[in-house]
Amino acid sequence: MKRVWTLSTQVMENNQSLFTTDYEENKKALDAVSEITSKKLRNQIAGCITKIKNNEQKSLLVNETATVSSIDSETSITDESD
């Protein structure tokens, strides 16, 4: 599995904009940017890329939610002190 994760991160570094959170689209994009003869390896790499993209998206949502909640709490504190 370490080989799959290493290959996934290398492909992602070079072609970040081509990949999304959709597994099927990632398989097609992977075919376009690389020449992987093994279907199983291609699918594993596409799955890892999908997982990485999903985790990135989740962390962005968590950060946005934390930012919004901190702004809301600051606003309520300011309103109470007026």
PDB file of N, CA and C in Angstrom:
ATOM      1  N   MET A   1       0.819  -1.200   0.000  1.00  0.00           N
ATOM      2  CA  MET A   1       0.000   0.000   0.000  1.00  0.00           C
ATOM      3  C   MET A   1       0.855   1.254   0.000  1.00  0.00           C
ATOM      4  N   LYS A   2       2.044   1.172   0.549  1.00  0.00           N
ATOM      5  CA  LYS A   2       2.895   2.359   0.577  1.00  0.00           C
ATOM      6  C   LYS A   2       3.229   2.819  -0.841  1.00  0.00           C
ATOM      7  N   ARG A   3       3.406   1.855  -1.743  1.00  0.00           N
ATOM      8  CA  ARG A   3       3.709   2.193  -3.135  1.00  0.00           C
ATOM      9  C   ARG A   3       2.540   2.952  -3.759  1.00  0.00           C
ATOM     10  N   VAL A   4       1.327   2.513  -3.468  1.00  0.00           N
ATOM     11  CA  VAL A   4       0.136   3.150  -4.026  1.00  0.00           C
ATOM     12  C   VAL A   4       0.023   4.586  -3.520  1.00  0.00           C
ATOM     13  N   TRP A   5       0.227   4.793  -2.214  1.00  0.00           N
ATOM     14  CA  TRP A   5       0.141   6.141  -1.655  1.00  0.00           C
ATOM     15  C   TRP A   5       1.246   7.037  -2.212  1.00  0.00           C
ATOM     16  N   THR A   6       2.437   6.491  -2.382  1.00  0.00           N
ATOM     17  CA  THR A   6       3.541   7.272  -2.935  1.00  0.00           C
ATOM     18  C   THR A   6       3.232   7.702  -4.363  1.00  0.00           C
ATOM     19  N   LEU A   7       2.763   6.768  -5.176  1.00  0.00           N
ATOM     20  CA  LEU A   7       2.408   7.097  -6.557  1.00  0.00           C
ATOM     21  C   LEU A   7       1.257   8.099  -6.610  1.00  0.00           C
ATOM     22  N   SER A   8       0.297   7.939  -5.729  1.00  0.00           N
ATOM     23  CA  SER A   8      -0.852   8.853  -5.695  1.00  0.00           C
ATOM     24  C   SER A   8      -0.417  10.277  -5.386  1.00  0.00           C
ATOM     25  N   THR A   9       0.425  10.427  -4.404  1.00  0.00           N
ATOM     26  CA  THR A   9       0.868  11.777  -4.050  1.00  0.00           C
ATOM     27  C   THR A   9       1.741  12.385  -5.140  1.00  0.00           C
ATOM     28  N   GLN A  10       2.546  11.575  -5.811  1.00  0.00           N
ATOM     29  CA  GLN A  10       3.358  12.096  -6.906  1.00  0.00           C
ATOM     30  C   GLN A  10       2.489  12.581  -8.057  1.00  0.00           C
ATOM     31  N   VAL A  11       1.487  11.813  -8.406  1.00  0.00           N
ATOM     32  CA  VAL A  11       0.593  12.212  -9.489  1.00  0.00           C
ATOM     33  C   VAL A  11      -0.188  13.467  -9.097  1.00  0.00           C
ATOM     34  N   MET A  12      -0.630  13.521  -7.848  1.00  0.00           N
ATOM     35  CA  MET A  12      -1.385  14.686  -7.368  1.00  0.00           C
ATOM     36  C   MET A  12      -0.545  15.956  -7.391  1.00  0.00           C
ATOM     37  N   GLU A  13       0.725  15.862  -7.006  1.00  0.00           N
ATOM     38  CA  GLU A  13       1.587  17.036  -6.984  1.00  0.00           C
ATOM     39  C   GLU A  13       1.721  17.646  -8.377  1.00  0.00           C
ATOM     40  N   ASN A  14       1.823  16.798  -9.386  1.00  0.00           N
ATOM     41  CA  ASN A  14       2.051  17.271 -10.740  1.00  0.00           C
ATOM     42  C   ASN A  14       0.773  17.686 -11.466  1.00  0.00           C
ATOM     43  N   ASN A  15      -0.363  17.163 -11.048  1.00  0.00           N
ATOM     44  CA  ASN A  15      -1.620  17.398 -11.773  1.00  0.00           C
ATOM     45  C   ASN A  15      -2.776  17.683 -10.824  1.00  0.00           C
ATOM     46  N   GLN A  16      -2.597  18.563  -9.898  1.00  0.00           N
ATOM     47  CA  GLN A  16      -3.573  18.839  -8.843  1.00  0.00           C
ATOM     48  C   GLN A  16      -4.951  19.219  -9.404  1.00  0.00           C
ATOM     49  N   SER A  17      -4.995  20.025 -10.439  1.00  0.00           N
ATOM     50  CA  SER A  17      -6.265  20.557 -10.921  1.00  0.00           C
ATOM     51  C   SER A  17      -7.118  19.530 -11.675  1.00  0.00           C
ATOM     52  N   LEU A  18      -6.529  18.429 -12.106  1.00  0.00           N
ATOM     53  CA  LEU A  18      -7.278  17.433 -12.881  1.00  0.00           C
ATOM     54  C   LEU A  18      -8.172  16.541 -12.029  1.00  0.00           C
ATOM     55  N   PHE A  19      -7.873  16.430 -10.751  1.00  0.00           N
ATOM     56  CA  PHE A  19      -8.554  15.445  -9.907  1.00  0.00           C
ATOM     57  C   PHE A  19      -9.624  16.097  -9.045  1.00  0.00           C
ATOM     58  N   THR A  20     -10.693  15.313  -8.800  1.00  0.00           N
ATOM     59  CA  THR A  20     -11.827  15.783  -8.006  1.00  0.00           C
ATOM     60  C   THR A  20     -12.148  14.748  -6.925  1.00  0.00           C
ATOM     61  N   THR A  21     -13.304  14.899  -6.317  1.00  0.00           N
ATOM     62  CA  THR A  21     -13.744  13.941  -5.301  1.00  0.00           C
ATOM     63  C   THR A  21     -14.527  12.788  -5.916  1.00  0.00           C
ATOM     64  N   ASP A  22     -14.627  12.747  -7.250  1.00  0.00           N
ATOM     65  CA  ASP A  22     -15.359  11.681  -7.937  1.00  0.00           C
ATOM     66  C   ASP A  22     -14.380  10.614  -8.426  1.00  0.00           C
ATOM     67  N   TYR A  23     -14.591   9.395  -7.999  1.00  0.00           N
ATOM     68  CA  TYR A  23     -13.705   8.269  -8.314  1.00  0.00           C
ATOM     69  C   TYR A  23     -13.639   7.995  -9.818  1.00  0.00           C
ATOM     70  N   GLU A  24     -14.779   7.980 -10.480  1.00  0.00           N
ATOM     71  CA  GLU A  24     -14.817   7.673 -11.917  1.00  0.00           C
ATOM     72  C   GLU A  24     -14.062   8.728 -12.727  1.00  0.00           C
ATOM     73  N   GLU A  25     -14.235   9.998 -12.369  1.00  0.00           N
ATOM     74  CA  GLU A  25     -13.512  11.071 -13.061  1.00  0.00           C
ATOM     75  C   GLU A  25     -12.007  10.956 -12.812  1.00  0.00           C
ATOM     76  N   ASN A  26     -11.644  10.559 -11.614  1.00  0.00           N
ATOM     77  CA  ASN A  26     -10.219  10.416 -11.295  1.00  0.00           C
ATOM     78  C   ASN A  26      -9.579   9.279 -12.081  1.00  0.00           C
ATOM     79  N   LYS A  27     -10.332   8.198 -12.324  1.00  0.00           N
ATOM     80  CA  LYS A  27      -9.803   7.107 -13.149  1.00  0.00           C
ATOM     81  C   LYS A  27      -9.522   7.599 -14.563  1.00  0.00           C
ATOM     82  N   LYS A  28     -10.450   8.371 -15.120  1.00  0.00           N
ATOM     83  CA  LYS A  28     -10.267   8.906 -16.470  1.00  0.00           C
ATOM     84  C   LYS A  28      -9.101   9.887 -16.526  1.00  0.00           C
ATOM     85  N   ALA A  29      -8.987  10.753 -15.526  1.00  0.00           N
ATOM     86  CA  ALA A  29      -7.885  11.713 -15.487  1.00  0.00           C
ATOM     87  C   ALA A  29      -6.552  10.998 -15.326  1.00  0.00           C
ATOM     88  N   LEU A  30      -6.544   9.942 -14.551  1.00  0.00           N
ATOM     89  CA  LEU A  30      -5.321   9.162 -14.348  1.00  0.00           C
ATOM     90  C   LEU A  30      -4.888   8.495 -15.654  1.00  0.00           C
ATOM     91  N   ASP A  31      -5.847   8.004 -16.425  1.00  0.00           N
ATOM     92  CA  ASP A  31      -5.527   7.431 -17.737  1.00  0.00           C
ATOM     93  C   ASP A  31      -4.920   8.482 -18.664  1.00  0.00           C
ATOM     94  N   ALA A  32      -5.399   9.722 -18.540  1.00  0.00           N
ATOM     95  CA  ALA A  32      -4.927  10.786 -19.420  1.00  0.00           C
ATOM     96  C   ALA A  32      -3.503  11.229 -19.087  1.00  0.00           C
ATOM     97  N   VAL A  33      -3.123  11.185 -17.814  1.00  0.00           N
ATOM     98  CA  VAL A  33      -1.808  11.717 -17.427  1.00  0.00           C
ATOM     99  C   VAL A  33      -0.746  10.654 -17.211  1.00  0.00           C
ATOM    100  N   SER A  34      -1.137   9.390 -17.192  1.00  0.00           N
ATOM    101  CA  SER A  34      -0.143   8.347 -16.946  1.00  0.00           C
ATOM    102  C   SER A  34      -0.436   7.124 -17.800  1.00  0.00           C
ATOM    103  N   GLU A  35       0.528   6.239 -17.819  1.00  0.00           N
ATOM    104  CA  GLU A  35       0.381   5.007 -18.585  1.00  0.00           C
ATOM    105  C   GLU A  35       0.514   3.829 -17.623  1.00  0.00           C
ATOM    106  N   ILE A  36      -0.582   3.480 -16.992  1.00  0.00           N
ATOM    107  CA  ILE A  36      -0.598   2.386 -16.027  1.00  0.00           C
ATOM    108  C   ILE A  36      -1.254   1.188 -16.709  1.00  0.00           C
ATOM    109  N   THR A  37      -0.491   0.115 -16.829  1.00  0.00           N
ATOM    110  CA  THR A  37      -1.003  -1.057 -17.544  1.00  0.00           C
ATOM    111  C   THR A  37      -1.875  -1.938 -16.659  1.00  0.00           C
ATOM    112  N   SER A  38      -1.701  -1.864 -15.362  1.00  0.00           N
ATOM    113  CA  SER A  38      -2.472  -2.684 -14.446  1.00  0.00           C
ATOM    114  C   SER A  38      -3.760  -1.962 -14.033  1.00  0.00           C
ATOM    115  N   LYS A  39      -4.890  -2.576 -14.334  1.00  0.00           N
ATOM    116  CA  LYS A  39      -6.190  -2.007 -13.987  1.00  0.00           C
ATOM    117  C   LYS A  39      -6.344  -1.889 -12.471  1.00  0.00           C
ATOM    118  N   LYS A  40      -5.895  -2.892 -11.755  1.00  0.00           N
ATOM    119  CA  LYS A  40      -6.004  -2.904 -10.297  1.00  0.00           C
ATOM    120  C   LYS A  40      -5.197  -1.767  -9.686  1.00  0.00           C
ATOM    121  N   LEU A  41      -3.964  -1.565 -10.172  1.00  0.00           N
ATOM    122  CA  LEU A  41      -3.127  -0.484  -9.649  1.00  0.00           C
ATOM    123  C   LEU A  41      -3.746   0.874  -9.962  1.00  0.00           C
ATOM    124  N   ARG A  42      -4.262   1.038 -11.186  1.00  0.00           N
ATOM    125  CA  ARG A  42      -4.911   2.297 -11.565  1.00  0.00           C
ATOM    126  C   ARG A  42      -6.082   2.599 -10.649  1.00  0.00           C
ATOM    127  N   ASN A  43      -6.898   1.583 -10.380  1.00  0.00           N
ATOM    128  CA  ASN A  43      -8.057   1.776  -9.518  1.00  0.00           C
ATOM    129  C   ASN A  43      -7.653   2.105  -8.082  1.00  0.00           C
ATOM    130  N   GLN A  44      -6.592   1.474  -7.589  1.00  0.00           N
ATOM    131  CA  GLN A  44      -6.118   1.770  -6.239  1.00  0.00           C
ATOM    132  C   GLN A  44      -5.602   3.205  -6.144  1.00  0.00           C
ATOM    133  N   ILE A  45      -4.859   3.635  -7.150  1.00  0.00           N
ATOM    134  CA  ILE A  45      -4.338   5.004  -7.152  1.00  0.00           C
ATOM    135  C   ILE A  45      -5.486   6.010  -7.247  1.00  0.00           C
ATOM    136  N   ALA A  46      -6.453   5.738  -8.118  1.00  0.00           N
ATOM    137  CA  ALA A  46      -7.615   6.624  -8.246  1.00  0.00           C
ATOM    138  C   ALA A  46      -8.386   6.687  -6.925  1.00  0.00           C
ATOM    139  N   GLY A  47      -8.498   5.565  -6.238  1.00  0.00           N
ATOM    140  CA  GLY A  47      -9.171   5.543  -4.938  1.00  0.00           C
ATOM    141  C   GLY A  47      -8.436   6.362  -3.895  1.00  0.00           C
ATOM    142  N   CYS A  48      -7.124   6.265  -3.885  1.00  0.00           N
ATOM    143  CA  CYS A  48      -6.325   7.054  -2.934  1.00  0.00           C
ATOM    144  C   CYS A  48      -6.453   8.543  -3.225  1.00  0.00           C
ATOM    145  N   ILE A  49      -6.417   8.903  -4.495  1.00  0.00           N
ATOM    146  CA  ILE A  49      -6.551  10.306  -4.878  1.00  0.00           C
ATOM    147  C   ILE A  49      -7.923  10.834  -4.467  1.00  0.00           C
ATOM    148  N   THR A  50      -8.957  10.026  -4.669  1.00  0.00           N
ATOM    149  CA  THR A  50     -10.305  10.414  -4.266  1.00  0.00           C
ATOM    150  C   THR A  50     -10.371  10.619  -2.759  1.00  0.00           C
ATOM    151  N   LYS A  51      -9.751   9.730  -2.019  1.00  0.00           N
ATOM    152  CA  LYS A  51      -9.743   9.844  -0.554  1.00  0.00           C
ATOM    153  C   LYS A  51      -9.014  11.107  -0.108  1.00  0.00           C
ATOM    154  N   ILE A  52      -7.884  11.400  -0.745  1.00  0.00           N
ATOM    155  CA  ILE A  52      -7.121  12.605  -0.410  1.00  0.00           C
ATOM    156  C   ILE A  52      -7.960  13.854  -0.686  1.00  0.00           C
ATOM    157  N   LYS A  53      -8.608  13.891  -1.849  1.00  0.00           N
ATOM    158  CA  LYS A  53      -9.432  15.048  -2.212  1.00  0.00           C
ATOM    159  C   LYS A  53     -10.619  15.203  -1.262  1.00  0.00           C
ATOM    160  N   ASN A  54     -11.256  14.099  -0.880  1.00  0.00           N
ATOM    161  CA  ASN A  54     -12.368  14.163   0.074  1.00  0.00           C
ATOM    162  C   ASN A  54     -11.900  14.692   1.420  1.00  0.00           C
ATOM    163  N   ASN A  55     -10.736  14.241   1.880  1.00  0.00           N
ATOM    164  CA  ASN A  55     -10.198  14.721   3.147  1.00  0.00           C
ATOM    165  C   ASN A  55      -9.867  16.208   3.082  1.00  0.00           C
ATOM    166  N   GLU A  56      -9.331  16.660   1.950  1.00  0.00           N
ATOM    167  CA  GLU A  56      -9.042  18.085   1.782  1.00  0.00           C
ATOM    168  C   GLU A  56     -10.326  18.900   1.852  1.00  0.00           C
ATOM    169  N   GLN A  57     -11.364  18.414   1.183  1.00  0.00           N
ATOM    170  CA  GLN A  57     -12.630  19.123   1.169  1.00  0.00           C
ATOM    171  C   GLN A  57     -13.250  19.168   2.571  1.00  0.00           C
ATOM    172  N   LYS A  58     -13.173  18.067   3.302  1.00  0.00           N
ATOM    173  CA  LYS A  58     -13.712  18.037   4.662  1.00  0.00           C
ATOM    174  C   LYS A  58     -12.967  18.994   5.573  1.00  0.00           C
ATOM    175  N   SER A  59     -11.642  19.055   5.442  1.00  0.00           N
ATOM    176  CA  SER A  59     -10.868  19.954   6.297  1.00  0.00           C
ATOM    177  C   SER A  59     -11.173  21.410   5.971  1.00  0.00           C
ATOM    178  N   LEU A  60     -11.428  21.720   4.690  1.00  0.00           N
ATOM    179  CA  LEU A  60     -11.811  23.082   4.330  1.00  0.00           C
ATOM    180  C   LEU A  60     -13.155  23.442   4.943  1.00  0.00           C
ATOM    181  N   LEU A  61     -14.108  22.511   4.928  1.00  0.00           N
ATOM    182  CA  LEU A  61     -15.419  22.769   5.519  1.00  0.00           C
ATOM    183  C   LEU A  61     -15.317  22.968   7.027  1.00  0.00           C
ATOM    184  N   VAL A  62     -14.481  22.180   7.674  1.00  0.00           N
ATOM    185  CA  VAL A  62     -14.295  22.313   9.122  1.00  0.00           C
ATOM    186  C   VAL A  62     -13.681  23.669   9.445  1.00  0.00           C
ATOM    187  N   ASN A  63     -12.684  24.073   8.663  1.00  0.00           N
ATOM    188  CA  ASN A  63     -12.044  25.373   8.890  1.00  0.00           C
ATOM    189  C   ASN A  63     -13.023  26.516   8.659  1.00  0.00           C
ATOM    190  N   GLU A  64     -13.858  26.423   7.619  1.00  0.00           N
ATOM    191  CA  GLU A  64     -14.847  27.462   7.363  1.00  0.00           C
ATOM    192  C   GLU A  64     -15.870  27.531   8.479  1.00  0.00           C
ATOM    193  N   THR A  65     -16.302  26.382   8.959  1.00  0.00           N
ATOM    194  CA  THR A  65     -17.277  26.339  10.034  1.00  0.00           C
ATOM    195  C   THR A  65     -16.693  26.928  11.309  1.00  0.00           C
ATOM    196  N   ALA A  66     -15.450  26.607  11.590  1.00  0.00           N
ATOM    197  CA  ALA A  66     -14.794  27.145  12.784  1.00  0.00           C
ATOM    198  C   ALA A  66     -14.643  28.656  12.677  1.00  0.00           C
ATOM    199  N   THR A  67     -14.323  29.144  11.498  1.00  0.00           N
ATOM    200  CA  THR A  67     -14.170  30.578  11.296  1.00  0.00           C
ATOM    201  C   THR A  67     -15.507  31.288  11.473  1.00  0.00           C
ATOM    202  N   VAL A  68     -16.555  30.734  10.897  1.00  0.00           N
ATOM    203  CA  VAL A  68     -17.879  31.346  11.010  1.00  0.00           C
ATOM    204  C   VAL A  68     -18.347  31.334  12.455  1.00  0.00           C
ATOM    205  N   SER A  69     -18.136  30.245  13.171  1.00  0.00           N
ATOM    206  CA  SER A  69     -18.588  30.177  14.560  1.00  0.00           C
ATOM    207  C   SER A  69     -17.785  31.125  15.451  1.00  0.00           C
ATOM    208  N   SER A  70     -16.507  31.309  15.159  1.00  0.00           N
ATOM    209  CA  SER A  70     -15.720  32.251  15.963  1.00  0.00           C
ATOM    210  C   SER A  70     -16.148  33.687  15.690  1.00  0.00           C
ATOM    211  N   ILE A  71     -16.518  33.983  14.449  1.00  0.00           N
ATOM    212  CA  ILE A  71     -17.010  35.322  14.122  1.00  0.00           C
ATOM    213  C   ILE A  71     -18.347  35.558  14.810  1.00  0.00           C
ATOM    214  N   ASP A  72     -19.225  34.548  14.814  1.00  0.00           N
ATOM    215  CA  ASP A  72     -20.521  34.659  15.476  1.00  0.00           C
ATOM    216  C   ASP A  72     -20.357  34.873  16.974  1.00  0.00           C
ATOM    217  N   SER A  73     -19.432  34.158  17.593  1.00  0.00           N
ATOM    218  CA  SER A  73     -19.237  34.312  19.035  1.00  0.00           C
ATOM    219  C   SER A  73     -18.648  35.677  19.362  1.00  0.00           C
ATOM    220  N   GLU A  74     -17.753  36.183  18.521  1.00  0.00           N
ATOM    221  CA  GLU A  74     -17.200  37.517  18.733  1.00  0.00           C
ATOM    222  C   GLU A  74     -18.286  38.577  18.573  1.00  0.00           C
ATOM    223  N   THR A  75     -19.167  38.387  17.630  1.00  0.00           N
ATOM    224  CA  THR A  75     -20.254  39.332  17.399  1.00  0.00           C
ATOM    225  C   THR A  75     -21.194  39.335  18.589  1.00  0.00           C
ATOM    226  N   SER A  76     -21.527  38.176  19.130  1.00  0.00           N
ATOM    227  CA  SER A  76     -22.444  38.111  20.267  1.00  0.00           C
ATOM    228  C   SER A  76     -21.804  38.720  21.506  1.00  0.00           C
ATOM    229  N   ILE A  77     -20.524  38.561  21.696  1.00  0.00           N
ATOM    230  CA  ILE A  77     -19.821  39.152  22.839  1.00  0.00           C
ATOM    231  C   ILE A  77     -19.824  40.673  22.707  1.00  0.00           C
ATOM    232  N   THR A  78     -19.590  41.169  21.497  1.00  0.00           N
ATOM    233  CA  THR A  78     -19.579  42.607  21.262  1.00  0.00           C
ATOM    234  C   THR A  78     -20.975  43.196  21.473  1.00  0.00           C
ATOM    235  N   ASP A  79     -22.009  42.492  21.023  1.00  0.00           N
ATOM    236  CA  ASP A  79     -23.380  42.961  21.193  1.00  0.00           C
ATOM    237  C   ASP A  79     -23.765  43.015  22.664  1.00  0.00           C
ATOM    238  N   GLU A  80     -23.338  42.063  23.458  1.00  0.00           N
ATOM    239  CA  GLU A  80     -23.684  42.017  24.872  1.00  0.00           C
ATOM    240  C   GLU A  80     -23.001  43.136  25.647  1.00  0.00           C
ATOM    241  N   SER A  81     -21.806  43.518  25.231  1.00  0.00           N
ATOM    242  CA  SER A  81     -21.075  44.529  25.971  1.00  0.00           C
ATOM    243  C   SER A  81     -21.553  45.940  25.649  1.00  0.00           C
ATOM    244  N   ASP A  82     -22.301  46.130  24.567  1.00  0.00           N
ATOM    245  CA  ASP A  82     -22.812  47.467  24.191  1.00  0.00           C
ATOM    246  C   ASP A  82     -23.910  47.862  25.057  1.00  0.00           C
TER     247      ASP A  82
END
